Amino acid sequence: MSRRTFFKGSVLAVAAAAAASGATACSTQPEPRGADAEARPLPIPPLYEGELDGNTRRFELTAQEGEFEIVPGTMTKTWGFNGPWLGPTLYMRRGEQIDMTVHNELPEATVVHWHGLHLPATADGGPALMFDPGESWSPSWTVDQAAATCWYHPHPHEKSALHAYRGLAGGIVLDDDDSVFPGLPNDYGVDDIPVIIGDANFTEDGQLDEESGWVGDTPLINGITKPRFEATTRRVRLRVLNGAVLRFRYLTLGAPFHVVATDQGFLESPVEVDGVLLSPGERVEIVVDLEPGKDLTLRDDKLPNWGGLPDKDTAETFGATDVFDLLEIVAPAEDAPASPALADKLVPFELPQPTGVEREFRMKNMEINGKSMDMTRVDFAVDHKGPEIWHVTNENDDMLHNFHVHNARFAVQGVENGEVEFTAGWHDTIEVPPLATVTLLVDIGYYPDPTLAYMYHCHMLNHEDSGMMGQFVVVEPGQEPNLKLPNIHGE
């Protein structure tokens, strides 16, 4: 079976199973705040290319408080990077030295994780690197990975969900010399469009509700409700990020589209699909062909087969039965030029040979392998180059989980007792359906440092904050971990 047939077939098979089960949109689904307002132009986060000095690219980010008109006519108190809400898109190229400075002008300690980047633990932005209000953090690293869409978000101890929910997030475009393909849009803000999907609950006075749950009833795209993108070209590339705290999303357009990249870069060939499931933290690049006079709507549809949850009531708890219109895409004018053929070959997909090391991770309730997160504990050490085999199981039958590994990429080798889409390609975050085991070939960046840890965790951020996280160190052969005791702020 060809990969094209496998992908499309698996999506359609799951959708058929959902239909057979009688899954429908939740009848009690709340009306999104601002749903009656007129659509607004889709905001495009500014592309921040930093200051380039030779082969060194320098950035400055400031985490700050502010106010933003998320919903028309209401100013909401928010947090953001270099502005009141969300942050700019950072542009980096393979081989460059990155010198980053992050200033903390928030009322509490934070830290920034560069999600999807392979880099030393001193720069990764784990919770041991939190820094206080009024302080700055200046990590450096060299970009040593293929072109991809990544992102950055806070990772403070037990408060990642809260800081991200308040608005601390932004995209990263990793570029290289091998990422320009015939027919692939690449004009940022014109036909190459970031789509950062979040959601929120609001209080009666229009403020972010931080008390009544984290599966938001109002979808946000690039920080606003009810956006509208007016295309000027017959083909667009959407860099889609599920930046939600908890919500899984099944994205459709009412017409087939092509997936060209997952978390960690391009696929071997474009894959035609009718929908794609993204768990929190996952990214996908899709190419959409538009016809004049035929507008499209990016929709967050109900999860096929309720995401593997056992019944409708449980599915409703996780928002798996909700349906939201996310983004109106207005078709281009008749005089828009035709698009050239999209390349049928992208990046060769070659799996390195595993080293023979295998590990098991059992996710249940808010623990992994029966343990809750302890910043003073090293769960294991990686003392070699080359990939390992990890078996990740969701032992809950009534709970959604996913799995993210810092400083790593992985390929799905197999799934038992469930289905996972887009198994061919490199990821750093993946869904783990209820009672399923996902086997991963995990390729970890080799930056030995026995004193600082990397994280692995459920990227449903409330689950992470509640203890569903562990940590590992990368060491030289024969070297023992010597973890620095972290400065756990506020304790």
Protein backbone atom coordinates (compact mmCIF):
# COMPACT_ATOMS: atom_id res chain seq x y z
CA MET A 1 0.00 0.00 0.00
CA SER A 2 1.40 3.40 -0.94
CA ARG A 3 1.86 5.97 1.81
CA ARG A 4 -0.59 8.28 0.05
CA THR A 5 -3.25 5.55 0.13
CA PHE A 6 -2.43 4.63 3.75
CA PHE A 7 -2.81 8.17 5.06
CA LYS A 8 -5.98 9.03 3.25
CA GLY A 9 -7.43 5.60 3.90
CA SER A 10 -6.73 5.72 7.64
CA VAL A 11 -8.37 9.13 7.99
CA LEU A 12 -11.46 8.03 6.10
CA ALA A 13 -11.67 4.76 8.04
CA VAL A 14 -11.60 6.59 11.36
CA ALA A 15 -14.23 9.05 10.15
CA ALA A 16 -16.44 6.16 9.06
CA ALA A 17 -16.10 4.55 12.50
CA ALA A 18 -17.16 7.81 14.11
CA ALA A 19 -20.24 8.00 11.91
CA ALA A 20 -21.12 4.39 12.71
CA SER A 21 -20.86 5.08 16.44
CA GLY A 22 -23.38 7.91 16.14
CA ALA A 23 -20.98 10.61 17.35
CA THR A 24 -22.52 14.05 16.95
CA ALA A 25 -21.75 17.58 18.01
CA CYS A 26 -22.46 18.18 21.65
CA SER A 27 -26.02 19.48 21.94
CA THR A 28 -25.06 21.59 24.94
CA GLN A 29 -22.04 23.15 23.23
CA PRO A 30 -21.86 26.79 24.35
CA GLU A 31 -21.97 29.62 21.85
CA PRO A 32 -18.44 31.00 21.40
CA ARG A 33 -18.01 34.50 22.78
CA GLY A 34 -18.16 37.05 19.96
CA ALA A 35 -19.88 34.63 17.58
CA ASP A 36 -22.39 37.31 16.48
CA ALA A 37 -19.71 39.86 15.64
CA GLU A 38 -18.50 40.61 12.14
CA ALA A 39 -15.46 38.65 10.99
CA ARG A 40 -12.16 40.48 11.36
CA PRO A 41 -9.02 40.22 9.23
CA LEU A 42 -6.72 37.43 10.37
CA PRO A 43 -3.78 38.98 12.27
CA ILE A 44 -0.42 37.80 10.96
CA PRO A 45 2.26 37.70 13.69
CA PRO A 46 5.23 39.78 12.54
CA LEU A 47 8.19 37.81 11.20
CA TYR A 48 11.06 38.62 13.57
CA GLU A 49 14.40 37.86 11.89
CA GLY A 50 16.54 39.25 14.72
CA GLU A 51 19.85 40.98 14.06
CA LEU A 52 22.18 39.00 11.83
CA ASP A 53 25.90 39.51 12.45
CA GLY A 54 27.86 37.13 10.26
CA ASN A 55 26.55 33.70 11.18
CA THR A 56 25.05 34.85 14.50
CA ARG A 57 21.40 35.82 14.77
CA ARG A 58 20.43 37.77 17.91
CA PHE A 59 16.93 38.05 19.34
CA GLU A 60 15.38 39.88 22.28
CA LEU A 61 12.04 38.86 23.73
CA THR A 62 10.23 40.51 26.61
CA ALA A 63 7.54 38.63 28.51
CA GLN A 64 5.09 41.33 29.60
CA GLU A 65 1.58 42.13 30.76
CA GLY A 66 -0.91 43.99 28.63
CA GLU A 67 -4.43 44.25 27.27
CA PHE A 68 -5.77 43.03 23.95
CA GLU A 69 -9.06 43.03 22.04
CA ILE A 70 -9.43 39.28 21.73
CA VAL A 71 -13.20 39.64 21.41
CA PRO A 72 -14.53 42.68 19.51
CA GLY A 73 -15.35 45.58 21.80
CA THR A 74 -13.71 44.11 24.94
CA MET A 75 -10.22 44.72 26.28
CA THR A 76 -8.91 41.63 28.05
CA LYS A 77 -5.92 41.52 30.40
CA THR A 78 -3.27 39.34 28.78
CA TRP A 79 0.39 38.37 28.66
CA GLY A 80 2.60 38.34 25.59
CA PHE A 81 6.09 38.49 24.12
CA ASN A 82 7.17 41.89 22.73
CA GLY A 83 3.55 42.97 22.92
CA PRO A 84 0.39 42.46 24.94
CA TRP A 85 -0.72 39.10 23.52
CA LEU A 86 1.12 36.14 21.94
CA GLY A 87 4.48 36.84 20.26
CA PRO A 88 6.25 37.32 16.92
CA THR A 89 7.24 34.48 14.60
CA LEU A 90 10.99 33.87 15.00
CA TYR A 91 12.97 33.11 11.84
CA MET A 92 16.13 30.97 12.05
CA ARG A 93 18.29 29.09 9.54
CA ARG A 94 20.16 25.84 9.84
CA GLY A 95 23.82 26.36 10.77
CA GLU A 96 23.29 29.71 12.47
CA GLN A 97 24.37 30.56 16.00
CA ILE A 98 21.38 31.87 17.97
CA ASP A 99 21.95 34.35 20.80
CA MET A 100 18.65 34.84 22.60
CA THR A 101 17.83 37.22 25.43
CA VAL A 102 14.51 36.95 27.25
CA HIS A 103 13.49 39.67 29.72
CA ASN A 104 10.92 38.91 32.42
CA GLU A 105 8.60 41.85 33.08
CA LEU A 106 5.87 39.63 34.50
CA PRO A 107 4.87 39.58 38.18
CA GLU A 108 6.23 36.03 38.65
CA ALA A 109 9.02 33.73 37.52
CA THR A 110 8.85 32.10 34.10
CA VAL A 111 11.03 30.45 31.46
CA VAL A 112 10.72 29.81 27.70
CA HIS A 113 10.92 26.39 26.05
CA TRP A 114 11.82 26.24 22.34
CA HIS A 115 9.44 23.43 21.45
CA GLY A 116 10.80 21.19 18.70
CA LEU A 117 14.37 22.51 18.74
CA HIS A 118 17.38 20.28 19.35
CA LEU A 119 19.73 22.16 21.64
CA PRO A 120 21.79 21.93 24.86
CA ALA A 121 19.89 21.59 28.12
CA THR A 122 21.25 24.99 29.21
CA ALA A 123 19.15 26.53 26.42
CA ASP A 124 16.15 24.17 26.33
CA GLY A 125 14.05 26.18 28.79
CA GLY A 126 13.02 23.50 31.24
CA PRO A 127 11.58 24.41 34.66
CA ALA A 128 15.01 24.31 36.38
CA LEU A 129 15.91 27.42 34.34
CA MET A 130 13.09 29.66 35.59
CA PHE A 131 14.09 33.26 36.21
CA ASP A 132 12.47 35.93 38.38
CA PRO A 133 10.68 39.20 37.57
CA GLY A 134 13.16 41.86 36.55
CA GLU A 135 15.74 39.28 35.47
CA SER A 136 16.87 38.20 32.00
CA TRP A 137 17.94 34.85 30.56
CA SER A 138 20.41 34.59 27.66
CA PRO A 139 20.69 31.09 26.17
CA SER A 140 22.70 30.34 23.02
CA TRP A 141 22.68 27.42 20.62
CA THR A 142 23.41 26.40 17.04
CA VAL A 143 20.54 25.44 14.75
CA ASP A 144 21.34 21.88 13.66
CA GLN A 145 18.17 20.41 12.18
CA ALA A 146 16.08 20.46 9.03
CA ALA A 147 13.49 23.07 8.12
CA ALA A 148 10.34 22.84 10.24
CA THR A 149 7.60 24.79 11.96
CA CYS A 150 8.29 24.89 15.72
CA TRP A 151 7.10 27.18 18.51
CA TYR A 152 8.01 28.68 21.86
CA HIS A 153 6.01 28.76 25.08
CA PRO A 154 6.54 28.97 28.85
CA HIS A 155 7.60 25.96 30.91
CA PRO A 156 7.64 27.10 34.58
CA HIS A 157 7.27 24.51 37.30
CA GLU A 158 3.57 23.63 37.75
CA LYS A 159 2.43 26.80 35.91
CA SER A 160 3.01 26.06 32.23
CA ALA A 161 -0.72 25.88 31.50
CA LEU A 162 -1.51 29.17 33.21
CA HIS A 163 1.30 31.12 31.53
CA ALA A 164 0.47 29.73 28.09
CA TYR A 165 -3.26 30.35 28.59
CA ARG A 166 -2.54 33.98 29.38
CA GLY A 167 -0.86 34.36 25.99
CA LEU A 168 2.82 33.45 26.13
CA ALA A 169 3.31 31.66 22.81
CA GLY A 170 4.71 32.24 19.34
CA GLY A 171 5.83 30.41 16.23
CA ILE A 172 9.31 29.53 14.96
CA VAL A 173 10.16 29.11 11.28
CA LEU A 174 13.28 26.96 10.85
CA ASP A 175 14.70 27.34 7.35
CA ASP A 176 17.46 25.62 5.39
CA ASP A 177 18.86 25.43 1.88
CA ASP A 178 16.75 22.39 0.99
CA SER A 179 13.23 23.64 1.75
CA VAL A 180 12.19 25.39 -1.48
CA PHE A 181 10.09 23.07 -3.64
CA PRO A 182 8.20 23.69 -6.90
CA GLY A 183 4.67 24.86 -6.22
CA LEU A 184 5.15 25.27 -2.45
CA PRO A 185 4.09 28.73 -1.21
CA ASN A 186 6.82 30.50 0.77
CA ASP A 187 5.92 34.21 0.92
CA TYR A 188 5.29 34.72 4.65
CA GLY A 189 2.06 36.56 5.34
CA VAL A 190 0.89 36.36 1.72
CA ASP A 191 0.62 32.67 0.82
CA ASP A 192 2.62 31.16 3.71
CA ILE A 193 0.37 31.76 6.71
CA PRO A 194 0.83 30.91 10.41
CA VAL A 195 -2.36 29.59 12.03
CA ILE A 196 -1.99 29.42 15.82
CA ILE A 197 -5.10 27.79 17.27
CA GLY A 198 -6.01 28.30 20.90
CA ASP A 199 -9.16 28.58 22.97
CA ALA A 200 -10.34 30.33 26.09
CA ASN A 201 -13.19 30.75 28.53
CA PHE A 202 -14.23 34.26 29.49
CA THR A 203 -15.78 35.80 32.59
CA GLU A 204 -18.88 37.98 32.27
CA ASP A 205 -16.71 41.10 32.05
CA GLY A 206 -14.62 39.67 29.22
CA GLN A 207 -11.53 38.55 31.13
CA LEU A 208 -9.79 35.19 30.78
CA ASP A 209 -11.54 32.74 33.07
CA GLU A 210 -8.86 30.82 34.96
CA GLU A 211 -11.21 29.02 37.33
CA SER A 212 -13.81 27.11 35.31
CA GLY A 213 -11.77 24.60 33.38
CA TRP A 214 -9.26 24.68 30.55
CA VAL A 215 -11.14 23.29 27.56
CA GLY A 216 -12.10 26.70 26.19
CA ASP A 217 -15.54 27.30 24.70
CA THR A 218 -14.27 30.09 22.42
CA PRO A 219 -11.73 29.27 19.68
CA LEU A 220 -8.98 31.78 18.96
CA ILE A 221 -6.92 31.99 15.77
CA ASN A 222 -3.73 34.07 15.96
CA GLY A 223 -5.21 35.55 19.11
CA ILE A 224 -8.69 36.66 18.00
CA THR A 225 -12.19 35.30 17.54
CA LYS A 226 -13.89 34.84 14.17
CA PRO A 227 -11.03 35.70 11.77
CA ARG A 228 -11.19 36.01 7.99
CA PHE A 229 -8.28 35.55 5.58
CA GLU A 230 -8.67 37.01 2.10
CA ALA A 231 -6.44 35.03 -0.21
CA THR A 232 -4.74 36.72 -3.13
CA THR A 233 -3.26 33.50 -4.54
CA ARG A 234 -4.82 30.25 -5.70
CA ARG A 235 -2.70 28.20 -3.32
CA VAL A 236 -1.86 28.82 0.34
CA ARG A 237 0.37 27.04 2.82
CA LEU A 238 -0.96 27.00 6.38
CA ARG A 239 1.51 26.39 9.22
CA VAL A 240 -0.99 25.10 11.75
CA LEU A 241 -0.17 24.87 15.46
CA ASN A 242 -2.53 23.45 18.04
CA GLY A 243 -1.48 25.77 20.84
CA ALA A 244 -4.34 24.76 23.13
CA VAL A 245 -3.79 23.89 26.78
CA LEU A 246 -5.96 20.75 26.62
CA ARG A 247 -8.11 20.51 23.49
CA PHE A 248 -7.49 17.93 20.76
CA ARG A 249 -8.59 19.10 17.30
CA TYR A 250 -9.75 17.38 14.13
CA LEU A 251 -9.29 19.91 11.33
CA THR A 252 -11.24 19.84 8.08
CA LEU A 253 -11.82 22.25 5.18
CA GLY A 254 -14.77 20.67 3.43
CA ALA A 255 -12.42 19.72 0.58
CA PRO A 256 -9.26 17.61 0.31
CA PHE A 257 -5.91 19.26 1.06
CA HIS A 258 -2.27 18.16 1.15
CA VAL A 259 -0.11 17.64 4.21
CA VAL A 260 3.52 18.48 3.41
CA ALA A 261 5.13 18.56 6.88
CA THR A 262 4.63 17.41 10.46
CA ASP A 263 6.28 18.63 13.69
CA GLN A 264 9.88 18.03 12.67
CA GLY A 265 9.83 18.86 8.99
CA PHE A 266 8.80 17.81 5.52
CA LEU A 267 7.32 14.49 4.54
CA GLU A 268 8.77 12.41 1.76
CA SER A 269 5.83 13.37 -0.50
CA PRO A 270 2.66 15.46 -0.15
CA VAL A 271 -0.24 13.43 1.24
CA GLU A 272 -3.84 14.15 0.29
CA VAL A 273 -6.28 13.97 3.22
CA ASP A 274 -9.77 15.12 4.17
CA GLY A 275 -8.89 15.90 7.79
CA VAL A 276 -6.05 15.85 10.29
CA LEU A 277 -6.01 15.34 14.06
CA LEU A 278 -3.72 17.53 16.17
CA SER A 279 -3.19 17.04 19.88
CA PRO A 280 -1.92 19.99 21.97
CA GLY A 281 1.55 21.10 20.87
CA GLU A 282 1.46 19.38 17.47
CA ARG A 283 2.05 21.19 14.19
CA VAL A 284 1.23 20.40 10.59
CA GLU A 285 1.88 22.24 7.34
CA ILE A 286 -0.92 21.93 4.81
CA VAL A 287 -1.26 23.15 1.24
CA VAL A 288 -4.72 24.27 0.13
CA ASP A 289 -5.71 24.93 -3.47
CA LEU A 290 -8.37 27.62 -3.88
CA GLU A 291 -10.79 28.30 -6.69
CA PRO A 292 -12.16 31.81 -7.35
CA GLY A 293 -15.69 32.07 -6.05
CA LYS A 294 -15.34 29.09 -3.70
CA ASP A 295 -14.60 30.15 -0.13
CA LEU A 296 -13.50 27.56 2.43
CA THR A 297 -13.81 27.29 6.21
CA LEU A 298 -11.20 25.73 8.44
CA ARG A 299 -13.27 23.81 10.95
CA ASP A 300 -12.52 22.14 14.27
CA ASP A 301 -14.73 19.07 13.89
CA LYS A 302 -15.76 16.42 16.38
CA LEU A 303 -13.00 13.90 17.02
CA PRO A 304 -13.39 10.71 14.98
CA ASN A 305 -14.56 7.89 17.22
CA TRP A 306 -14.58 10.36 20.14
CA GLY A 307 -10.79 10.17 20.18
CA GLY A 308 -11.04 6.61 21.53
CA LEU A 309 -12.96 7.68 24.65
CA PRO A 310 -15.52 5.17 25.92
CA ASP A 311 -18.77 7.16 25.77
CA LYS A 312 -20.30 10.47 24.78
CA ASP A 313 -20.39 11.93 28.30
CA THR A 314 -16.63 11.43 28.68
CA ALA A 315 -16.04 12.78 25.18
CA GLU A 316 -18.00 15.93 26.00
CA THR A 317 -15.76 16.52 29.04
CA PHE A 318 -12.75 16.75 26.71
CA GLY A 319 -14.58 18.76 24.03
CA ALA A 320 -14.34 15.82 21.63
CA THR A 321 -17.91 16.32 20.38
CA ASP A 322 -17.63 20.08 19.80
CA VAL A 323 -17.65 21.65 16.34
CA PHE A 324 -16.27 25.15 15.72
CA ASP A 325 -15.71 27.21 12.60
CA LEU A 326 -12.17 28.52 13.04
CA LEU A 327 -11.12 30.51 9.99
CA GLU A 328 -12.95 31.76 6.93
CA ILE A 329 -10.72 31.59 3.85
CA VAL A 330 -11.99 33.89 1.12
CA ALA A 331 -11.14 32.67 -2.37
CA PRO A 332 -8.92 34.79 -4.63
CA ALA A 333 -10.16 36.87 -7.54
CA GLU A 334 -10.60 35.42 -11.01
CA ASP A 335 -7.42 37.12 -12.24
CA ALA A 336 -5.21 35.36 -9.66
CA PRO A 337 -2.60 33.41 -11.62
CA ALA A 338 -2.76 29.63 -11.72
CA SER A 339 -0.47 27.75 -9.34
CA PRO A 340 2.30 25.53 -10.71
CA ALA A 341 2.21 21.83 -9.98
CA LEU A 342 3.14 20.95 -6.39
CA ALA A 343 6.34 18.90 -6.14
CA ASP A 344 5.62 15.20 -5.71
CA LYS A 345 8.90 14.59 -3.89
CA LEU A 346 9.99 16.56 -0.82
CA VAL A 347 12.56 15.20 1.67
CA PRO A 348 13.74 11.57 1.74
CA PHE A 349 12.53 9.77 4.83
CA GLU A 350 15.27 7.50 6.09
CA LEU A 351 15.18 5.90 9.52
CA PRO A 352 18.49 5.46 11.35
CA GLN A 353 19.23 2.11 12.92
CA PRO A 354 18.21 1.88 16.60
CA THR A 355 20.91 1.30 19.22
CA GLY A 356 19.09 -1.55 20.92
CA VAL A 357 18.05 0.52 23.95
CA GLU A 358 14.34 0.20 24.74
CA ARG A 359 12.29 2.04 27.36
CA GLU A 360 8.70 1.85 28.59
CA PHE A 361 6.49 4.75 29.63
CA ARG A 362 3.10 4.06 31.22
CA MET A 363 0.85 7.11 31.46
CA LYS A 364 -1.95 6.83 33.99
CA ASN A 365 -3.88 9.54 35.77
CA MET A 366 -1.23 12.22 36.43
CA GLU A 367 1.81 9.91 36.62
CA ILE A 368 4.30 8.26 34.29
CA ASN A 369 5.55 4.82 35.33
CA GLY A 370 3.78 5.28 38.64
CA LYS A 371 5.74 8.43 39.50
CA SER A 372 4.81 12.07 39.72
CA MET A 373 7.25 14.73 38.51
CA ASP A 374 10.16 15.43 40.90
CA MET A 375 12.63 18.07 39.77
CA THR A 376 15.35 16.54 41.96
CA ARG A 377 15.01 13.07 40.40
CA VAL A 378 16.70 11.83 37.20
CA ASP A 379 14.48 9.14 35.70
CA PHE A 380 17.16 7.86 33.31
CA ALA A 381 20.34 8.87 31.51
CA VAL A 382 21.13 8.68 27.80
CA ASP A 383 24.84 7.91 27.37
CA HIS A 384 25.07 7.35 23.62
CA LYS A 385 24.33 8.75 20.18
CA GLY A 386 21.70 7.09 18.03
CA PRO A 387 17.99 6.41 18.46
CA GLU A 388 16.18 4.34 21.06
CA ILE A 389 12.88 2.48 20.98
CA TRP A 390 10.27 3.84 23.39
CA HIS A 391 6.93 2.14 24.11
CA VAL A 392 4.41 4.72 25.37
CA THR A 393 1.09 3.50 26.78
CA ASN A 394 -2.02 5.40 27.85
CA GLU A 395 -3.32 3.17 30.65
CA ASN A 396 -6.43 5.32 31.17
CA ASP A 397 -9.52 4.14 29.32
CA ASP A 398 -11.38 7.40 29.94
CA MET A 399 -8.71 10.07 29.46
CA LEU A 400 -6.93 11.65 26.51
CA HIS A 401 -3.14 11.97 26.68
CA ASN A 402 -0.34 12.81 24.32
CA PHE A 403 3.44 12.63 24.60
CA HIS A 404 6.21 15.17 23.93
CA VAL A 405 9.98 14.71 24.21
CA HIS A 406 12.37 17.66 24.52
CA ASN A 407 15.48 17.84 22.33
CA ALA A 408 14.30 14.97 20.15
CA ARG A 409 12.47 13.84 17.07
CA PHE A 410 10.72 10.52 16.72
CA ALA A 411 9.00 8.34 14.15
CA VAL A 412 6.02 6.15 14.95
CA GLN A 413 6.92 2.47 14.51
CA GLY A 414 3.58 0.95 15.41
CA VAL A 415 0.36 1.32 17.38
CA GLU A 416 -1.41 -1.35 19.43
CA ASN A 417 -5.09 -1.03 20.40
CA GLY A 418 -5.62 2.27 18.59
CA GLU A 419 -4.93 4.42 15.55
CA VAL A 420 -2.51 7.31 15.17
CA GLU A 421 -2.48 9.41 12.01
CA PHE A 422 0.61 10.43 10.01
CA THR A 423 2.90 7.71 11.23
CA ALA A 424 5.40 8.35 8.40
CA GLY A 425 7.38 11.48 9.21
CA TRP A 426 9.26 13.01 12.12
CA HIS A 427 7.36 14.25 15.17
CA ASP A 428 8.10 15.58 18.64
CA THR A 429 4.53 15.33 19.99
CA ILE A 430 2.00 12.57 19.35
CA GLU A 431 -1.41 11.46 20.57
CA VAL A 432 -1.59 8.28 22.65
CA PRO A 433 -5.19 7.02 22.48
CA PRO A 434 -6.87 5.48 25.54
CA LEU A 435 -5.47 1.98 26.28
CA ALA A 436 -3.18 2.19 23.23
CA THR A 437 0.58 1.67 23.08
CA VAL A 438 2.55 3.76 20.59
CA THR A 439 6.06 2.55 19.73
CA LEU A 440 8.48 5.33 18.81
CA LEU A 441 11.96 5.47 17.29
CA VAL A 442 13.35 8.38 19.36
CA ASP A 443 16.36 10.29 18.04
CA ILE A 444 17.74 12.47 20.85
CA GLY A 445 20.09 15.42 20.30
CA TYR A 446 23.45 14.49 21.81
CA TYR A 447 24.55 17.40 24.03
CA PRO A 448 26.11 15.74 27.09
CA ASP A 449 25.58 17.64 30.35
CA PRO A 450 25.08 15.65 33.58
CA THR A 451 23.86 18.72 35.50
CA LEU A 452 20.68 19.70 33.62
CA ALA A 453 17.71 17.61 32.53
CA TYR A 454 15.39 17.43 29.54
CA MET A 455 11.68 16.71 29.93
CA TYR A 456 9.24 14.16 28.56
CA HIS A 457 5.59 14.69 29.38
CA CYS A 458 1.97 14.80 28.40
CA HIS A 459 1.55 18.08 26.48
CA MET A 460 -1.93 18.60 27.83
CA LEU A 461 -0.39 21.29 29.99
CA ASN A 462 -2.63 20.82 33.02
CA HIS A 463 -1.59 17.16 33.04
CA GLU A 464 2.07 18.17 32.88
CA ASP A 465 1.62 20.66 35.72
CA SER A 466 -0.18 18.03 37.79
CA GLY A 467 2.80 15.67 37.63
CA MET A 468 2.60 13.78 34.32
CA MET A 469 6.22 14.54 33.46
CA GLY A 470 9.65 13.01 33.91
CA GLN A 471 13.20 14.06 33.13
CA PHE A 472 16.36 12.58 31.66
CA VAL A 473 19.94 13.74 31.24
CA VAL A 474 22.34 13.21 28.37
CA VAL A 475 25.83 12.14 29.50
CA GLU A 476 29.11 10.85 28.13
CA PRO A 477 29.60 7.06 28.23
CA GLY A 478 30.38 6.05 31.79
CA GLN A 479 29.39 9.43 33.19
CA GLU A 480 26.89 9.63 36.06
CA PRO A 481 24.12 12.27 36.35
CA ASN A 482 24.98 15.08 38.74
CA LEU A 483 21.81 17.12 38.67
CA LYS A 484 21.98 20.64 40.00
CA LEU A 485 19.31 21.23 42.59
CA PRO A 486 16.84 23.52 40.84
CA ASN A 487 15.73 26.86 42.20
CA ILE A 488 12.01 26.12 42.51
CA HIS A 489 10.71 29.66 42.74
CA GLY A 490 8.14 30.47 45.36
CA GLU A 491 8.95 27.40 47.47
